[in-house]
Amino acid sequence: MALYPVALEGEIPVGTNIVVEIEGRSIGVYNVNGEYFAIHNYCPHQGAEICKGPVCGTNMESEVYQFIYGRDQEIVRCPWHGWEFDLKTGKSLFSDKVRVRSYPMQIQDGQLFITVGK
């Protein structure tokens, strides 16, 4: 496992992301309400660059005919087919078996680092 510097803490404003290349991998780094998360820029469905998709929220569990919107800015939606993934964990919203790879983030002296291993 190795740490790779990707940006200074203030370079990614809340609600935005950047895409970086590390060891031949395209990785999206997101600022979600002041916390940083990193995911592989590859949708497991058909390989779309998932980081080109919109960041949004989703409908929460509710009663029949009731729609409650929540988790704003925590979900990325694939630009090709709309598959949705949690930016914090990489887990899909529709199956426990499907996920996008996530990478641990660290902040040291105002510098953001991604941990990438084999």
Protein backbone atom coordinates (compact mmCIF):
# COMPACT_ATOMS: atom_id res chain seq x y z
CA MET A 1 0.00 0.00 0.00
CA ALA A 2 1.30 3.43 -0.92
CA LEU A 3 0.15 6.99 -0.27
CA TYR A 4 -0.19 9.31 -3.25
CA PRO A 5 -0.67 13.08 -2.93
CA VAL A 6 -3.59 14.29 -5.05
CA ALA A 7 -4.42 17.87 -4.04
CA LEU A 8 -4.31 20.44 -1.29
CA GLU A 9 -7.32 20.39 1.01
CA GLY A 10 -8.78 23.68 -0.31
CA GLU A 11 -8.37 22.80 -4.00
CA ILE A 12 -11.54 20.67 -4.14
CA PRO A 13 -14.52 22.81 -3.01
CA VAL A 14 -17.50 21.19 -1.29
CA GLY A 15 -19.76 19.48 -3.84
CA THR A 16 -17.06 19.10 -6.50
CA ASN A 17 -14.57 16.46 -7.58
CA ILE A 18 -11.38 15.96 -9.52
CA VAL A 19 -10.11 12.95 -11.46
CA VAL A 20 -6.48 11.86 -11.05
CA GLU A 21 -4.36 9.08 -12.55
CA ILE A 22 -2.50 6.84 -10.09
CA GLU A 23 -0.66 3.68 -11.13
CA GLY A 24 -2.62 3.62 -14.39
CA ARG A 25 -5.97 3.95 -12.58
CA SER A 26 -8.41 6.79 -13.08
CA ILE A 27 -9.70 7.81 -9.64
CA GLY A 28 -12.30 10.43 -8.72
CA VAL A 29 -11.78 12.42 -5.52
CA TYR A 30 -14.95 14.00 -4.09
CA ASN A 31 -15.54 16.61 -1.40
CA VAL A 32 -18.81 15.56 0.25
CA ASN A 33 -19.79 18.18 2.82
CA GLY A 34 -16.17 18.70 3.85
CA GLU A 35 -15.17 15.02 3.85
CA TYR A 36 -13.07 13.51 1.07
CA PHE A 37 -13.79 10.21 -0.67
CA ALA A 38 -12.17 8.46 -3.63
CA ILE A 39 -13.66 5.95 -6.09
CA HIS A 40 -12.42 4.15 -9.18
CA ASN A 41 -13.63 6.03 -12.27
CA TYR A 42 -15.13 2.88 -13.78
CA CYS A 43 -18.74 1.71 -13.61
CA PRO A 44 -18.90 -2.06 -13.02
CA HIS A 45 -21.90 -2.35 -15.36
CA GLN A 46 -20.34 -1.50 -18.72
CA GLY A 47 -17.21 0.50 -17.95
CA ALA A 48 -18.44 4.10 -18.20
CA GLU A 49 -16.38 6.86 -16.62
CA ILE A 50 -18.62 7.10 -13.58
CA CYS A 51 -17.05 10.36 -12.39
CA LYS A 52 -18.64 12.11 -15.39
CA GLY A 53 -22.04 11.32 -13.91
CA PRO A 54 -24.05 13.70 -11.73
CA VAL A 55 -23.63 13.82 -7.97
CA CYS A 56 -27.04 13.84 -6.32
CA GLY A 57 -29.15 12.35 -3.57
CA THR A 58 -31.76 9.63 -3.71
CA ASN A 59 -35.24 8.68 -2.60
CA MET A 60 -35.26 7.42 0.98
CA GLU A 61 -37.30 4.56 2.39
CA SER A 62 -40.86 5.78 2.94
CA GLU A 63 -44.51 4.87 2.96
CA VAL A 64 -46.40 4.05 -0.25
CA TYR A 65 -46.99 7.19 -2.39
CA GLN A 66 -44.64 9.19 -0.17
CA PHE A 67 -41.36 10.39 -1.63
CA ILE A 68 -38.58 11.60 0.64
CA TYR A 69 -35.40 12.95 -0.94
CA GLY A 70 -32.20 12.54 1.09
CA ARG A 71 -28.45 11.97 1.11
CA ASP A 72 -27.94 15.02 -1.10
CA GLN A 73 -24.49 15.13 -2.73
CA GLU A 74 -23.60 11.61 -1.45
CA ILE A 75 -24.57 9.58 -4.53
CA VAL A 76 -22.95 9.41 -7.97
CA ARG A 77 -25.08 8.27 -10.90
CA CYS A 78 -23.50 6.57 -13.90
CA PRO A 79 -23.87 8.79 -16.98
CA TRP A 80 -24.66 5.84 -19.26
CA HIS A 81 -27.37 3.81 -17.52
CA GLY A 82 -28.12 5.56 -14.24
CA TRP A 83 -26.67 3.02 -11.82
CA GLU A 84 -26.22 4.78 -8.45
CA PHE A 85 -23.35 4.38 -5.98
CA ASP A 86 -22.63 5.72 -2.51
CA LEU A 87 -19.57 8.00 -2.69
CA LYS A 88 -18.62 7.19 0.89
CA THR A 89 -18.50 3.41 0.51
CA GLY A 90 -18.64 2.59 -3.21
CA LYS A 91 -21.66 0.36 -2.60
CA SER A 92 -24.47 0.36 -5.14
CA LEU A 93 -27.93 1.42 -4.03
CA PHE A 94 -29.59 -1.56 -5.71
CA SER A 95 -27.53 -4.65 -4.79
CA ASP A 96 -25.21 -5.82 -2.03
CA LYS A 97 -23.14 -7.61 -4.68
CA VAL A 98 -22.30 -4.62 -6.90
CA ARG A 99 -19.93 -1.83 -5.97
CA VAL A 100 -17.40 0.56 -7.40
CA ARG A 101 -13.96 0.34 -5.82
CA SER A 102 -13.29 2.95 -3.16
CA TYR A 103 -9.91 4.10 -1.87
CA PRO A 104 -8.99 5.33 1.62
CA MET A 105 -8.20 9.04 1.91
CA GLN A 106 -5.95 10.80 4.42
CA ILE A 107 -5.19 14.43 5.18
CA GLN A 108 -1.70 15.32 6.40
CA ASP A 109 -0.66 18.95 6.87
CA GLY A 110 -3.40 20.15 4.48
CA GLN A 111 -2.42 17.69 1.74
CA LEU A 112 -4.88 15.04 0.50
CA PHE A 113 -3.55 11.54 -0.04
CA ILE A 114 -5.06 8.39 -1.57
CA THR A 115 -3.98 4.96 -0.40
CA VAL A 116 -3.56 2.59 -3.34
CA GLY A 117 -2.40 -1.01 -3.13
CA LYS A 118 -2.13 -3.99 -5.37
